[in-house]
């Protein structure tokens, strides 16, 4: 499916901006996007685990996808 198709779905105007999703990524699609953007070392992480010093403070949704990348 094309990027335009997904943009039409997820960019729809919503009343609650806080919960607005711009894209629905999975590990494969996010890895591809990060590579296209110039990141080289890309890997998935578990909830509140990773190399970011404050990861336990910023990860607050255990059901989310967590990835780290180095440019």
N, C-alpha and C. Protein backbone atom coordinates (compact mmCIF):
# COMPACT_ATOMS: atom_id res chain seq x y z
N UNK A 1 0.84 -1.18 0.00
CA UNK A 1 0.00 0.00 0.00
C UNK A 1 0.88 1.24 0.00
N UNK A 2 0.37 2.27 -0.56
CA UNK A 2 1.18 3.48 -0.70
C UNK A 2 1.16 4.33 0.56
N UNK A 3 2.19 5.13 0.69
CA UNK A 3 2.30 6.06 1.81
C UNK A 3 1.11 7.03 1.79
N UNK A 4 0.70 7.44 0.60
CA UNK A 4 -0.42 8.38 0.46
C UNK A 4 -1.70 7.81 1.07
N UNK A 5 -1.93 6.51 0.85
CA UNK A 5 -3.10 5.84 1.41
C UNK A 5 -3.12 5.96 2.93
N UNK A 6 -1.98 5.63 3.57
CA UNK A 6 -1.91 5.67 5.02
C UNK A 6 -1.99 7.10 5.55
N UNK A 7 -1.39 8.05 4.83
CA UNK A 7 -1.48 9.45 5.26
C UNK A 7 -2.92 9.92 5.26
N UNK A 8 -3.68 9.50 4.29
CA UNK A 8 -5.10 9.89 4.22
C UNK A 8 -5.87 9.37 5.42
N UNK A 9 -5.52 8.19 5.91
CA UNK A 9 -6.21 7.62 7.06
C UNK A 9 -5.77 8.27 8.36
N UNK A 10 -4.48 8.35 8.59
CA UNK A 10 -3.98 8.76 9.89
C UNK A 10 -3.81 10.27 10.05
N UNK A 11 -3.86 11.02 8.97
CA UNK A 11 -3.75 12.47 9.08
C UNK A 11 -5.12 13.14 9.16
N UNK A 12 -6.16 12.35 9.27
CA UNK A 12 -7.51 12.91 9.36
C UNK A 12 -7.62 13.82 10.58
N UNK A 13 -8.39 14.86 10.45
CA UNK A 13 -8.55 15.79 11.57
C UNK A 13 -9.24 15.10 12.74
N UNK A 14 -8.67 15.27 13.90
CA UNK A 14 -9.23 14.69 15.11
C UNK A 14 -9.39 15.80 16.14
N UNK A 15 -10.39 15.67 16.98
CA UNK A 15 -10.63 16.68 18.02
C UNK A 15 -9.54 16.66 19.08
N UNK A 16 -9.05 15.49 19.44
CA UNK A 16 -8.08 15.35 20.52
C UNK A 16 -6.68 15.20 19.96
N UNK A 17 -5.94 16.28 19.89
CA UNK A 17 -4.59 16.26 19.31
C UNK A 17 -3.64 15.38 20.11
N UNK A 18 -3.86 15.26 21.41
CA UNK A 18 -2.96 14.49 22.26
C UNK A 18 -2.81 13.05 21.78
N UNK A 19 -3.89 12.46 21.31
CA UNK A 19 -3.87 11.06 20.90
C UNK A 19 -3.83 10.87 19.39
N UNK A 20 -3.47 11.91 18.66
CA UNK A 20 -3.44 11.84 17.20
C UNK A 20 -2.26 10.97 16.74
N UNK A 21 -2.56 9.96 15.96
CA UNK A 21 -1.52 9.10 15.39
C UNK A 21 -1.25 9.53 13.96
N UNK A 22 -0.01 9.77 13.65
CA UNK A 22 0.35 10.18 12.30
C UNK A 22 0.66 8.99 11.41
N UNK A 23 1.08 7.89 12.01
CA UNK A 23 1.45 6.72 11.21
C UNK A 23 1.37 5.49 12.09
N UNK A 24 1.09 4.38 11.50
CA UNK A 24 1.03 3.13 12.24
C UNK A 24 2.23 2.29 11.82
N UNK A 25 3.30 2.34 12.61
CA UNK A 25 4.54 1.63 12.27
C UNK A 25 4.59 0.25 12.90
N UNK A 26 5.33 -0.63 12.23
CA UNK A 26 5.76 -1.87 12.84
C UNK A 26 7.29 -1.88 12.75
N UNK A 27 7.92 -2.90 13.24
CA UNK A 27 9.39 -2.92 13.27
C UNK A 27 9.98 -2.81 11.86
N UNK A 28 9.39 -3.48 10.90
CA UNK A 28 9.91 -3.47 9.53
C UNK A 28 9.76 -2.09 8.89
N UNK A 29 8.58 -1.49 8.97
CA UNK A 29 8.37 -0.20 8.32
C UNK A 29 9.16 0.91 8.99
N UNK A 30 9.30 0.87 10.32
CA UNK A 30 10.08 1.91 11.00
C UNK A 30 11.57 1.75 10.71
N UNK A 31 12.05 0.52 10.67
CA UNK A 31 13.46 0.28 10.32
C UNK A 31 13.75 0.80 8.92
N UNK A 32 12.87 0.54 7.98
CA UNK A 32 13.05 1.03 6.60
C UNK A 32 13.10 2.55 6.57
N UNK A 33 12.18 3.20 7.26
CA UNK A 33 12.16 4.66 7.29
C UNK A 33 13.43 5.23 7.93
N UNK A 34 13.88 4.63 9.02
CA UNK A 34 15.10 5.10 9.68
C UNK A 34 16.33 4.92 8.77
N UNK A 35 16.40 3.82 8.05
CA UNK A 35 17.51 3.61 7.10
C UNK A 35 17.48 4.66 6.00
N UNK A 36 16.28 4.94 5.47
CA UNK A 36 16.13 5.95 4.42
C UNK A 36 16.53 7.34 4.91
N UNK A 37 16.43 7.57 6.20
CA UNK A 37 16.75 8.86 6.80
C UNK A 37 18.21 8.97 7.20
N UNK A 38 18.98 7.89 7.04
CA UNK A 38 20.41 7.95 7.29
C UNK A 38 20.88 7.26 8.56
N UNK A 39 19.99 6.60 9.26
CA UNK A 39 20.41 5.86 10.46
C UNK A 39 20.99 4.52 10.02
N UNK A 40 22.01 4.06 10.74
CA UNK A 40 22.65 2.81 10.33
C UNK A 40 22.43 1.69 11.34
N UNK A 41 22.64 1.94 12.58
CA UNK A 41 22.48 0.91 13.60
C UNK A 41 21.07 1.06 14.19
N UNK A 42 20.20 0.14 13.83
CA UNK A 42 18.79 0.22 14.21
C UNK A 42 18.40 -1.11 14.85
N UNK A 43 17.77 -1.03 16.02
CA UNK A 43 17.41 -2.27 16.69
C UNK A 43 16.20 -2.03 17.60
N UNK A 44 15.38 -3.08 17.78
CA UNK A 44 14.23 -2.97 18.68
C UNK A 44 14.67 -3.06 20.14
N UNK A 45 13.89 -2.48 20.99
CA UNK A 45 14.14 -2.52 22.44
C UNK A 45 12.87 -2.96 23.14
N UNK A 46 13.03 -3.37 24.36
CA UNK A 46 11.88 -3.69 25.19
C UNK A 46 11.46 -2.44 25.97
N UNK A 47 10.27 -2.48 26.50
CA UNK A 47 9.73 -1.37 27.30
C UNK A 47 10.71 -0.99 28.41
N UNK A 48 11.05 0.27 28.47
CA UNK A 48 11.94 0.88 29.46
C UNK A 48 13.34 0.26 29.48
N UNK A 49 13.78 -0.25 28.34
CA UNK A 49 15.14 -0.75 28.20
C UNK A 49 15.77 -0.08 26.98
N UNK A 50 17.04 0.20 27.07
CA UNK A 50 17.74 0.81 25.95
C UNK A 50 18.90 1.65 26.44
N UNK A 51 19.56 2.33 25.51
CA UNK A 51 20.76 3.11 25.85
C UNK A 51 20.47 4.54 26.26
N UNK A 52 19.27 5.02 26.07
CA UNK A 52 18.90 6.38 26.47
C UNK A 52 18.92 6.46 28.00
N UNK A 53 19.60 7.46 28.52
CA UNK A 53 19.78 7.58 29.97
C UNK A 53 18.45 7.66 30.73
N UNK A 54 17.47 8.33 30.17
CA UNK A 54 16.19 8.54 30.86
C UNK A 54 15.07 7.67 30.29
N UNK A 55 15.42 6.54 29.73
CA UNK A 55 14.42 5.71 29.06
C UNK A 55 13.27 5.31 29.98
N UNK A 56 13.54 5.05 31.23
CA UNK A 56 12.47 4.67 32.17
C UNK A 56 11.50 5.82 32.43
N UNK A 57 11.95 7.05 32.23
CA UNK A 57 11.08 8.22 32.44
C UNK A 57 10.24 8.53 31.20
N UNK A 58 10.78 8.28 30.02
CA UNK A 58 10.06 8.66 28.81
C UNK A 58 9.20 7.55 28.22
N UNK A 59 9.53 6.30 28.50
CA UNK A 59 8.69 5.19 28.03
C UNK A 59 7.55 5.00 29.02
N UNK A 60 6.33 5.34 28.58
CA UNK A 60 5.20 5.24 29.50
C UNK A 60 4.03 4.44 28.92
N UNK A 61 4.25 3.80 27.78
CA UNK A 61 3.19 2.99 27.17
C UNK A 61 3.77 1.62 26.81
N UNK A 62 3.64 0.65 27.68
CA UNK A 62 4.27 -0.65 27.46
C UNK A 62 3.82 -1.37 26.19
N UNK A 63 2.68 -0.99 25.64
CA UNK A 63 2.17 -1.66 24.44
C UNK A 63 2.76 -1.08 23.15
N UNK A 64 3.61 -0.07 23.26
CA UNK A 64 4.17 0.61 22.09
C UNK A 64 5.34 -0.14 21.48
N UNK A 65 5.74 0.30 20.29
CA UNK A 65 6.93 -0.20 19.62
C UNK A 65 8.11 0.66 20.06
N UNK A 66 9.20 0.03 20.48
CA UNK A 66 10.38 0.74 20.94
C UNK A 66 11.57 0.38 20.07
N UNK A 67 12.18 1.39 19.47
CA UNK A 67 13.34 1.20 18.59
C UNK A 67 14.39 2.23 18.97
N UNK A 68 15.65 1.86 18.80
CA UNK A 68 16.74 2.82 18.94
C UNK A 68 17.52 2.80 17.63
N UNK A 69 18.10 3.95 17.32
CA UNK A 69 18.87 4.07 16.08
C UNK A 69 20.01 5.06 16.28
N UNK A 70 21.11 4.80 15.60
CA UNK A 70 22.28 5.67 15.66
C UNK A 70 22.59 6.16 14.26
N UNK A 71 22.81 7.46 14.15
CA UNK A 71 23.07 8.06 12.84
C UNK A 71 24.56 8.18 12.61
